[in-house]
PDB file of all heavy atoms in Angstrom:
ATOM      1  N   ALA A   1       1.228  56.625  -8.745  1.00  0.00           N
ATOM      2  CA  ALA A   1       0.110  55.850  -9.290  1.00  0.00           C
ATOM      3  C   ALA A   1      -0.797  55.312  -8.187  1.00  0.00           C
ATOM      4  O   ALA A   1      -1.725  54.552  -8.477  1.00  0.00           O
ATOM      5  CB  ALA A   1       0.633  54.700 -10.141  1.00  0.00           C
ATOM      6  N   HIS A   2      -0.540  55.710  -6.943  1.00  0.00           N
ATOM      7  CA  HIS A   2      -1.359  55.228  -5.835  1.00  0.00           C
ATOM      8  C   HIS A   2      -2.657  56.023  -5.704  1.00  0.00           C
ATOM      9  O   HIS A   2      -2.732  57.185  -6.111  1.00  0.00           O
ATOM     10  CB  HIS A   2      -0.567  55.298  -4.526  1.00  0.00           C
ATOM     11  CG  HIS A   2       0.286  54.087  -4.283  1.00  0.00           C
ATOM     12  ND1 HIS A   2       0.086  53.227  -3.239  1.00  0.00           N
ATOM     13  CD2 HIS A   2       1.335  53.586  -4.987  1.00  0.00           C
ATOM     14  CE1 HIS A   2       0.976  52.263  -3.284  1.00  0.00           C
ATOM     15  NE2 HIS A   2       1.749  52.462  -4.341  1.00  0.00           N
ATOM     16  N   SER A   3      -3.636  55.406  -5.072  1.00  0.00           N
ATOM     17  CA  SER A   3      -4.964  56.016  -4.929  1.00  0.00           C
ATOM     18  C   SER A   3      -5.055  56.864  -3.667  1.00  0.00           C
ATOM     19  O   SER A   3      -5.892  56.635  -2.798  1.00  0.00           O
ATOM     20  CB  SER A   3      -6.037  54.925  -4.916  1.00  0.00           C
ATOM     21  OG  SER A   3      -6.075  54.242  -6.150  1.00  0.00           O
ATOM     22  N   TYR A   4      -4.184  57.864  -3.572  1.00  0.00           N
ATOM     23  CA  TYR A   4      -4.234  58.721  -2.393  1.00  0.00           C
ATOM     24  C   TYR A   4      -5.374  59.743  -2.472  1.00  0.00           C
ATOM     25  O   TYR A   4      -5.726  60.353  -1.480  1.00  0.00           O
ATOM     26  CB  TYR A   4      -2.904  59.465  -2.219  1.00  0.00           C
ATOM     27  CG  TYR A   4      -1.725  58.552  -2.009  1.00  0.00           C
ATOM     28  CD1 TYR A   4      -0.622  58.615  -2.839  1.00  0.00           C
ATOM     29  CD2 TYR A   4      -1.727  57.614  -0.976  1.00  0.00           C
ATOM     30  CE1 TYR A   4       0.456  57.774  -2.658  1.00  0.00           C
ATOM     31  CE2 TYR A   4      -0.654  56.760  -0.790  1.00  0.00           C
ATOM     32  CZ  TYR A   4       0.441  56.847  -1.627  1.00  0.00           C
ATOM     33  OH  TYR A   4       1.491  56.007  -1.445  1.00  0.00           O
ATOM     34  N   HIS A   5      -5.898  59.967  -3.646  1.00  0.00           N
ATOM     35  CA  HIS A   5      -7.007  60.920  -3.802  1.00  0.00           C
ATOM     36  C   HIS A   5      -8.193  60.248  -4.465  1.00  0.00           C
ATOM     37  O   HIS A   5      -9.235  60.079  -3.870  1.00  0.00           O
ATOM     38  CB  HIS A   5      -6.549  62.139  -4.608  1.00  0.00           C
ATOM     39  CG  HIS A   5      -7.519  63.274  -4.597  1.00  0.00           C
ATOM     40  ND1 HIS A   5      -8.005  63.845  -3.427  1.00  0.00           N
ATOM     41  CD2 HIS A   5      -8.127  63.949  -5.608  1.00  0.00           C
ATOM     42  CE1 HIS A   5      -8.843  64.819  -3.729  1.00  0.00           C
ATOM     43  NE2 HIS A   5      -8.949  64.903  -5.036  1.00  0.00           N
ATOM     44  N   GLY A   6      -8.020  59.829  -5.695  1.00  0.00           N
ATOM     45  CA  GLY A   6      -9.042  59.024  -6.347  1.00  0.00           C
ATOM     46  C   GLY A   6      -8.906  57.575  -5.885  1.00  0.00           C
ATOM     47  O   GLY A   6      -8.174  57.271  -4.941  1.00  0.00           O
ATOM     48  N   SER A   7      -9.598  56.672  -6.537  1.00  0.00           N
ATOM     49  CA  SER A   7      -9.443  55.251  -6.221  1.00  0.00           C
ATOM     50  C   SER A   7      -9.729  54.428  -7.467  1.00  0.00           C
ATOM     51  O   SER A   7     -10.497  54.844  -8.341  1.00  0.00           O
ATOM     52  CB  SER A   7     -10.396  54.827  -5.085  1.00  0.00           C
ATOM     53  OG  SER A   7     -11.706  54.634  -5.566  1.00  0.00           O
ATOM     54  N   GLU A   8      -9.092  53.252  -7.533  1.00  0.00           N
ATOM     55  CA  GLU A   8      -9.348  52.350  -8.652  1.00  0.00           C
ATOM     56  C   GLU A   8     -10.815  51.955  -8.714  1.00  0.00           C
ATOM     57  O   GLU A   8     -11.399  51.804  -9.795  1.00  0.00           O
ATOM     58  CB  GLU A   8      -8.492  51.088  -8.506  1.00  0.00           C
ATOM     59  CG  GLU A   8      -7.001  51.327  -8.679  1.00  0.00           C
ATOM     60  CD  GLU A   8      -6.198  50.063  -8.430  1.00  0.00           C
ATOM     61  OE1 GLU A   8      -6.729  48.973  -8.703  1.00  0.00           O
ATOM     62  OE2 GLU A   8      -5.059  50.166  -7.964  1.00  0.00           O
ATOM     63  N   GLU A   9     -11.446  51.765  -7.519  1.00  0.00           N
ATOM     64  CA  GLU A   9     -12.820  51.282  -7.499  1.00  0.00           C
ATOM     65  C   GLU A   9     -13.780  52.258  -8.174  1.00  0.00           C
ATOM     66  O   GLU A   9     -14.509  51.899  -9.094  1.00  0.00           O
ATOM     67  CB  GLU A   9     -13.275  51.029  -6.054  1.00  0.00           C
ATOM     68  CG  GLU A   9     -12.581  49.881  -5.374  1.00  0.00           C
ATOM     69  CD  GLU A   9     -11.473  50.340  -4.438  1.00  0.00           C
ATOM     70  OE1 GLU A   9     -10.816  51.349  -4.761  1.00  0.00           O
ATOM     71  OE2 GLU A   9     -11.281  49.695  -3.395  1.00  0.00           O
ATOM     72  N   HIS A  10     -13.786  53.511  -7.688  1.00  0.00           N
ATOM     73  CA  HIS A  10     -14.811  54.391  -8.262  1.00  0.00           C
ATOM     74  C   HIS A  10     -14.390  54.973  -9.602  1.00  0.00           C
ATOM     75  O   HIS A  10     -15.242  55.300 -10.445  1.00  0.00           O
ATOM     76  CB  HIS A  10     -15.254  55.466  -7.243  1.00  0.00           C
ATOM     77  CG  HIS A  10     -14.327  56.617  -7.033  1.00  0.00           C
ATOM     78  ND1 HIS A  10     -13.414  56.674  -6.009  1.00  0.00           N
ATOM     79  CD2 HIS A  10     -14.224  57.794  -7.689  1.00  0.00           C
ATOM     80  CE1 HIS A  10     -12.779  57.814  -6.024  1.00  0.00           C
ATOM     81  NE2 HIS A  10     -13.246  58.526  -7.044  1.00  0.00           N
ATOM     82  N   ASN A  11     -13.092  55.078  -9.878  1.00  0.00           N
ATOM     83  CA  ASN A  11     -12.661  55.553 -11.188  1.00  0.00           C
ATOM     84  C   ASN A  11     -12.966  54.538 -12.294  1.00  0.00           C
ATOM     85  O   ASN A  11     -13.334  54.912 -13.409  1.00  0.00           O
ATOM     86  CB  ASN A  11     -11.168  55.871 -11.172  1.00  0.00           C
ATOM     87  CG  ASN A  11     -10.862  57.237 -10.580  1.00  0.00           C
ATOM     88  OD1 ASN A  11     -11.737  58.082 -10.481  1.00  0.00           O
ATOM     89  ND2 ASN A  11      -9.620  57.432 -10.187  1.00  0.00           N
ATOM     90  N   SER A  12     -12.816  53.248 -11.998  1.00  0.00           N
ATOM     91  CA  SER A  12     -13.111  52.235 -13.013  1.00  0.00           C
ATOM     92  C   SER A  12     -14.594  52.241 -13.379  1.00  0.00           C
ATOM     93  O   SER A  12     -14.966  52.108 -14.547  1.00  0.00           O
ATOM     94  CB  SER A  12     -12.667  50.856 -12.535  1.00  0.00           C
ATOM     95  OG  SER A  12     -13.318  50.478 -11.343  1.00  0.00           O
ATOM     96  N   ARG A  13     -15.437  52.404 -12.386  1.00  0.00           N
ATOM     97  CA  ARG A  13     -16.872  52.489 -12.668  1.00  0.00           C
ATOM     98  C   ARG A  13     -17.190  53.734 -13.499  1.00  0.00           C
ATOM     99  O   ARG A  13     -18.085  53.730 -14.344  1.00  0.00           O
ATOM    100  CB  ARG A  13     -17.673  52.511 -11.362  1.00  0.00           C
ATOM    101  CG  ARG A  13     -17.481  51.278 -10.481  1.00  0.00           C
ATOM    102  CD  ARG A  13     -18.441  51.261  -9.323  1.00  0.00           C
ATOM    103  NE  ARG A  13     -19.760  50.838  -9.759  1.00  0.00           N
ATOM    104  CZ  ARG A  13     -20.857  50.964  -9.017  1.00  0.00           C
ATOM    105  NH1 ARG A  13     -20.799  51.509  -7.820  1.00  0.00           N
ATOM    106  NH2 ARG A  13     -22.023  50.547  -9.483  1.00  0.00           N
ATOM    107  N   ALA A  14     -16.441  54.822 -13.233  1.00  0.00           N
ATOM    108  CA  ALA A  14     -16.686  56.065 -13.960  1.00  0.00           C
ATOM    109  C   ALA A  14     -16.387  55.922 -15.442  1.00  0.00           C
ATOM    110  O   ALA A  14     -17.100  56.490 -16.285  1.00  0.00           O
ATOM    111  CB  ALA A  14     -15.828  57.182 -13.354  1.00  0.00           C
ATOM    112  N   VAL A  15     -15.339  55.187 -15.795  1.00  0.00           N
ATOM    113  CA  VAL A  15     -15.001  55.018 -17.210  1.00  0.00           C
ATOM    114  C   VAL A  15     -16.139  54.310 -17.944  1.00  0.00           C
ATOM    115  O   VAL A  15     -16.552  54.734 -19.031  1.00  0.00           O
ATOM    116  CB  VAL A  15     -13.680  54.243 -17.362  1.00  0.00           C
ATOM    117  CG1 VAL A  15     -13.414  53.933 -18.845  1.00  0.00           C
ATOM    118  CG2 VAL A  15     -12.511  55.048 -16.789  1.00  0.00           C
ATOM    119  N   ILE A  16     -16.661  53.260 -17.343  1.00  0.00           N
ATOM    120  CA  ILE A  16     -17.792  52.572 -17.979  1.00  0.00           C
ATOM    121  C   ILE A  16     -18.997  53.500 -18.060  1.00  0.00           C
ATOM    122  O   ILE A  16     -19.696  53.555 -19.083  1.00  0.00           O
ATOM    123  CB  ILE A  16     -18.144  51.280 -17.216  1.00  0.00           C
ATOM    124  CG1 ILE A  16     -17.060  50.221 -17.450  1.00  0.00           C
ATOM    125  CG2 ILE A  16     -19.499  50.738 -17.678  1.00  0.00           C
ATOM    126  CD1 ILE A  16     -17.378  48.866 -16.882  1.00  0.00           C
ATOM    127  N   ASN A  17     -19.246  54.253 -17.001  1.00  0.00           N
ATOM    128  CA  ASN A  17     -20.388  55.160 -17.010  1.00  0.00           C
ATOM    129  C   ASN A  17     -20.272  56.197 -18.112  1.00  0.00           C
ATOM    130  O   ASN A  17     -21.266  56.557 -18.764  1.00  0.00           O
ATOM    131  CB  ASN A  17     -20.501  55.854 -15.646  1.00  0.00           C
ATOM    132  CG  ASN A  17     -21.782  56.644 -15.513  1.00  0.00           C
ATOM    133  OD1 ASN A  17     -22.868  56.144 -15.770  1.00  0.00           O
ATOM    134  ND2 ASN A  17     -21.661  57.902 -15.119  1.00  0.00           N
ATOM    135  N   ARG A  18     -19.059  56.668 -18.371  1.00  0.00           N
ATOM    136  CA  ARG A  18     -18.871  57.683 -19.422  1.00  0.00           C
ATOM    137  C   ARG A  18     -19.261  57.141 -20.797  1.00  0.00           C
ATOM    138  O   ARG A  18     -19.860  57.842 -21.610  1.00  0.00           O
ATOM    139  CB  ARG A  18     -17.425  58.162 -19.447  1.00  0.00           C
ATOM    140  CG  ARG A  18     -17.150  59.234 -20.501  1.00  0.00           C
ATOM    141  CD  ARG A  18     -15.728  59.758 -20.454  1.00  0.00           C
ATOM    142  NE  ARG A  18     -15.541  60.763 -21.496  1.00  0.00           N
ATOM    143  CZ  ARG A  18     -15.776  62.059 -21.360  1.00  0.00           C
ATOM    144  NH1 ARG A  18     -16.209  62.516 -20.189  1.00  0.00           N
ATOM    145  NH2 ARG A  18     -15.601  62.904 -22.351  1.00  0.00           N
ATOM    146  N   TYR A  19     -18.925  55.870 -21.041  1.00  0.00           N
ATOM    147  CA  TYR A  19     -19.158  55.304 -22.368  1.00  0.00           C
ATOM    148  C   TYR A  19     -20.465  54.527 -22.494  1.00  0.00           C
ATOM    149  O   TYR A  19     -21.090  54.522 -23.551  1.00  0.00           O
ATOM    150  CB  TYR A  19     -17.990  54.394 -22.754  1.00  0.00           C
ATOM    151  CG  TYR A  19     -16.726  55.144 -23.095  1.00  0.00           C
ATOM    152  CD1 TYR A  19     -15.762  55.380 -22.131  1.00  0.00           C
ATOM    153  CD2 TYR A  19     -16.508  55.646 -24.371  1.00  0.00           C
ATOM    154  CE1 TYR A  19     -14.600  56.083 -22.429  1.00  0.00           C
ATOM    155  CE2 TYR A  19     -15.359  56.360 -24.681  1.00  0.00           C
ATOM    156  CZ  TYR A  19     -14.409  56.573 -23.709  1.00  0.00           C
ATOM    157  OH  TYR A  19     -13.266  57.272 -24.019  1.00  0.00           O
ATOM    158  N   LEU A  20     -20.862  53.835 -21.435  1.00  0.00           N
ATOM    159  CA  LEU A  20     -22.008  52.937 -21.519  1.00  0.00           C
ATOM    160  C   LEU A  20     -23.161  53.319 -20.597  1.00  0.00           C
ATOM    161  O   LEU A  20     -24.233  52.722 -20.661  1.00  0.00           O
ATOM    162  CB  LEU A  20     -21.576  51.499 -21.208  1.00  0.00           C
ATOM    163  CG  LEU A  20     -20.552  50.882 -22.165  1.00  0.00           C
ATOM    164  CD1 LEU A  20     -20.104  49.513 -21.661  1.00  0.00           C
ATOM    165  CD2 LEU A  20     -21.132  50.775 -23.571  1.00  0.00           C
ATOM    166  N   GLY A  21     -22.947  54.284 -19.712  1.00  0.00           N
ATOM    167  CA  GLY A  21     -24.012  54.693 -18.810  1.00  0.00           C
ATOM    168  C   GLY A  21     -24.118  53.790 -17.594  1.00  0.00           C
ATOM    169  O   GLY A  21     -23.309  52.891 -17.376  1.00  0.00           O
ATOM    170  N   TYR A  22     -25.165  54.016 -16.793  1.00  0.00           N
ATOM    171  CA  TYR A  22     -25.284  53.346 -15.496  1.00  0.00           C
ATOM    172  C   TYR A  22     -25.829  51.921 -15.587  1.00  0.00           C
ATOM    173  O   TYR A  22     -25.728  51.151 -14.643  1.00  0.00           O
ATOM    174  CB  TYR A  22     -26.198  54.160 -14.574  1.00  0.00           C
ATOM    175  CG  TYR A  22     -27.632  54.249 -15.069  1.00  0.00           C
ATOM    176  CD1 TYR A  22     -28.558  53.261 -14.750  1.00  0.00           C
ATOM    177  CD2 TYR A  22     -28.047  55.309 -15.875  1.00  0.00           C
ATOM    178  CE1 TYR A  22     -29.861  53.315 -15.214  1.00  0.00           C
ATOM    179  CE2 TYR A  22     -29.353  55.373 -16.341  1.00  0.00           C
ATOM    180  CZ  TYR A  22     -30.261  54.388 -16.018  1.00  0.00           C
ATOM    181  OH  TYR A  22     -31.542  54.442 -16.487  1.00  0.00           O
ATOM    182  N   TRP A  23     -26.428  51.548 -16.726  1.00  0.00           N
ATOM    183  CA  TRP A  23     -27.117  50.255 -16.800  1.00  0.00           C
ATOM    184  C   TRP A  23     -26.141  49.143 -17.141  1.00  0.00           C
ATOM    185  O   TRP A  23     -25.289  49.281 -18.030  1.00  0.00           O
ATOM    186  CB  TRP A  23     -28.213  50.319 -17.867  1.00  0.00           C
ATOM    187  CG  TRP A  23     -29.070  49.083 -17.937  1.00  0.00           C
ATOM    188  CD1 TRP A  23     -29.530  48.343 -16.891  1.00  0.00           C
ATOM    189  CD2 TRP A  23     -29.562  48.446 -19.122  1.00  0.00           C
ATOM    190  NE1 TRP A  23     -30.289  47.295 -17.336  1.00  0.00           N
ATOM    191  CE2 TRP A  23     -30.324  47.326 -18.710  1.00  0.00           C
ATOM    192  CE3 TRP A  23     -29.445  48.715 -20.483  1.00  0.00           C
ATOM    193  CZ2 TRP A  23     -30.956  46.478 -19.609  1.00  0.00           C
ATOM    194  CZ3 TRP A  23     -30.083  47.895 -21.387  1.00  0.00           C
ATOM    195  CH2 TRP A  23     -30.831  46.782 -20.958  1.00  0.00           C
ATOM    196  N   ASP A  24     -26.256  48.006 -16.447  1.00  0.00           N
ATOM    197  CA  ASP A  24     -25.374  46.860 -16.695  1.00  0.00           C
ATOM    198  C   ASP A  24     -25.952  45.898 -17.726  1.00  0.00           C
ATOM    199  O   ASP A  24     -25.400  44.817 -17.943  1.00  0.00           O
ATOM    200  CB  ASP A  24     -25.064  46.128 -15.392  1.00  0.00           C
ATOM    201  CG  ASP A  24     -26.303  45.513 -14.745  1.00  0.00           C
ATOM    202  OD1 ASP A  24     -27.410  45.657 -15.305  1.00  0.00           O
ATOM    203  OD2 ASP A  24     -26.165  44.894 -13.664  1.00  0.00           O
ATOM    204  N   ALA A  25     -27.060  46.259 -18.360  1.00  0.00           N
ATOM    205  CA  ALA A  25     -27.706  45.489 -19.431  1.00  0.00           C
ATOM    206  C   ALA A  25     -28.485  44.287 -18.915  1.00  0.00           C
ATOM    207  O   ALA A  25     -28.962  43.461 -19.708  1.00  0.00           O
ATOM    208  CB  ALA A  25     -26.717  45.053 -20.512  1.00  0.00           C
ATOM    209  N   ASN A  26     -28.649  44.168 -17.613  1.00  0.00           N
ATOM    210  CA  ASN A  26     -29.552  43.176 -17.040  1.00  0.00           C
ATOM    211  C   ASN A  26     -30.895  43.864 -16.834  1.00  0.00           C
ATOM    212  O   ASN A  26     -30.991  44.827 -16.061  1.00  0.00           O
ATOM    213  CB  ASN A  26     -28.993  42.682 -15.705  1.00  0.00           C
ATOM    214  CG  ASN A  26     -29.898  41.659 -15.030  1.00  0.00           C
ATOM    215  OD1 ASN A  26     -31.043  41.471 -15.426  1.00  0.00           O
ATOM    216  ND2 ASN A  26     -29.383  41.018 -14.006  1.00  0.00           N
ATOM    217  N   PRO A  27     -31.968  43.414 -17.501  1.00  0.00           N
ATOM    218  CA  PRO A  27     -33.264  44.082 -17.352  1.00  0.00           C
ATOM    219  C   PRO A  27     -33.725  44.198 -15.906  1.00  0.00           C
ATOM    220  O   PRO A  27     -34.471  45.113 -15.560  1.00  0.00           O
ATOM    221  CB  PRO A  27     -34.207  43.199 -18.178  1.00  0.00           C
ATOM    222  CG  PRO A  27     -33.332  42.576 -19.200  1.00  0.00           C
ATOM    223  CD  PRO A  27     -32.020  42.338 -18.520  1.00  0.00           C
ATOM    224  N   ALA A  28     -33.261  43.302 -15.026  1.00  0.00           N
ATOM    225  CA  ALA A  28     -33.667  43.367 -13.624  1.00  0.00           C
ATOM    226  C   ALA A  28     -33.145  44.617 -12.924  1.00  0.00           C
ATOM    227  O   ALA A  28     -33.688  45.042 -11.909  1.00  0.00           O
ATOM    228  CB  ALA A  28     -33.161  42.130 -12.870  1.00  0.00           C
ATOM    229  N   THR A  29     -32.094  45.222 -13.483  1.00  0.00           N
ATOM    230  CA  THR A  29     -31.521  46.434 -12.879  1.00  0.00           C
ATOM    231  C   THR A  29     -31.892  47.701 -13.661  1.00  0.00           C
ATOM    232  O   THR A  29     -31.434  48.779 -13.302  1.00  0.00           O
ATOM    233  CB  THR A  29     -29.985  46.330 -12.786  1.00  0.00           C
ATOM    234  OG1 THR A  29     -29.434  46.314 -14.115  1.00  0.00           O
ATOM    235  CG2 THR A  29     -29.561  45.087 -12.039  1.00  0.00           C
ATOM    236  N   LEU A  30     -32.685  47.551 -14.688  1.00  0.00           N
ATOM    237  CA  LEU A  30     -33.013  48.715 -15.518  1.00  0.00           C
ATOM    238  C   LEU A  30     -33.962  49.668 -14.802  1.00  0.00           C
ATOM    239  O   LEU A  30     -33.805  50.881 -14.864  1.00  0.00           O
ATOM    240  CB  LEU A  30     -33.627  48.256 -16.846  1.00  0.00           C
ATOM    241  CG  LEU A  30     -33.901  49.340 -17.884  1.00  0.00           C
ATOM    242  CD1 LEU A  30     -32.656  50.146 -18.191  1.00  0.00           C
ATOM    243  CD2 LEU A  30     -34.458  48.704 -19.148  1.00  0.00           C
ATOM    244  N   ALA A  31     -34.938  49.120 -14.106  1.00  0.00           N
ATOM    245  CA  ALA A  31     -35.859  49.936 -13.310  1.00  0.00           C
ATOM    246  C   ALA A  31     -36.078  49.215 -11.980  1.00  0.00           C
ATOM    247  O   ALA A  31     -37.175  48.720 -11.695  1.00  0.00           O
ATOM    248  CB  ALA A  31     -37.176  50.149 -14.044  1.00  0.00           C
ATOM    249  N   PRO A  32     -35.028  49.146 -11.156  1.00  0.00           N
ATOM    250  CA  PRO A  32     -35.111  48.331  -9.946  1.00  0.00           C
ATOM    251  C   PRO A  32     -35.985  48.978  -8.882  1.00  0.00           C
ATOM    252  O   PRO A  32     -36.249  50.181  -8.905  1.00  0.00           O
ATOM    253  CB  PRO A  32     -33.652  48.273  -9.470  1.00  0.00           C
ATOM    254  CG  PRO A  32     -33.051  49.546  -9.981  1.00  0.00           C
ATOM    255  CD  PRO A  32     -33.718  49.802 -11.303  1.00  0.00           C
ATOM    256  N   LEU A  33     -36.416  48.175  -7.931  1.00  0.00           N
ATOM    257  CA  LEU A  33     -37.102  48.693  -6.755  1.00  0.00           C
ATOM    258  C   LEU A  33     -36.154  49.613  -5.990  1.00  0.00           C
ATOM    259  O   LEU A  33     -34.936  49.409  -5.985  1.00  0.00           O
ATOM    260  CB  LEU A  33     -37.517  47.552  -5.826  1.00  0.00           C
ATOM    261  CG  LEU A  33     -38.708  46.683  -6.238  1.00  0.00           C
ATOM    262  CD1 LEU A  33     -38.795  45.471  -5.324  1.00  0.00           C
ATOM    263  CD2 LEU A  33     -40.002  47.471  -6.216  1.00  0.00           C
ATOM    264  N   SER A  34     -36.720  50.598  -5.320  1.00  0.00           N
ATOM    265  CA  SER A  34     -35.923  51.392  -4.392  1.00  0.00           C
ATOM    266  C   SER A  34     -35.508  50.498  -3.236  1.00  0.00           C
ATOM    267  O   SER A  34     -36.219  49.552  -2.874  1.00  0.00           O
ATOM    268  CB  SER A  34     -36.735  52.581  -3.877  1.00  0.00           C
ATOM    269  OG  SER A  34     -37.077  53.452  -4.928  1.00  0.00           O
ATOM    270  N   LEU A  35     -34.367  50.816  -2.649  1.00  0.00           N
ATOM    271  CA  LEU A  35     -33.858  49.987  -1.550  1.00  0.00           C
ATOM    272  C   LEU A  35     -34.864  49.872  -0.406  1.00  0.00           C
ATOM    273  O   LEU A  35     -35.026  48.817   0.186  1.00  0.00           O
ATOM    274  CB  LEU A  35     -32.536  50.564  -1.021  1.00  0.00           C
ATOM    275  CG  LEU A  35     -31.262  49.908  -1.539  1.00  0.00           C
ATOM    276  CD1 LEU A  35     -30.046  50.665  -1.047  1.00  0.00           C
ATOM    277  CD2 LEU A  35     -31.189  48.457  -1.117  1.00  0.00           C
TER     278      LEU A  35
END
């Protein structure tokens, strides 16, 4: 169950992305400035 290949950090974000997409529902991040 260790993260020798994947990781908890990026896999957890992936699950949300699969169901809810990239937006966190804060309008400030919906169309943010480029870095």
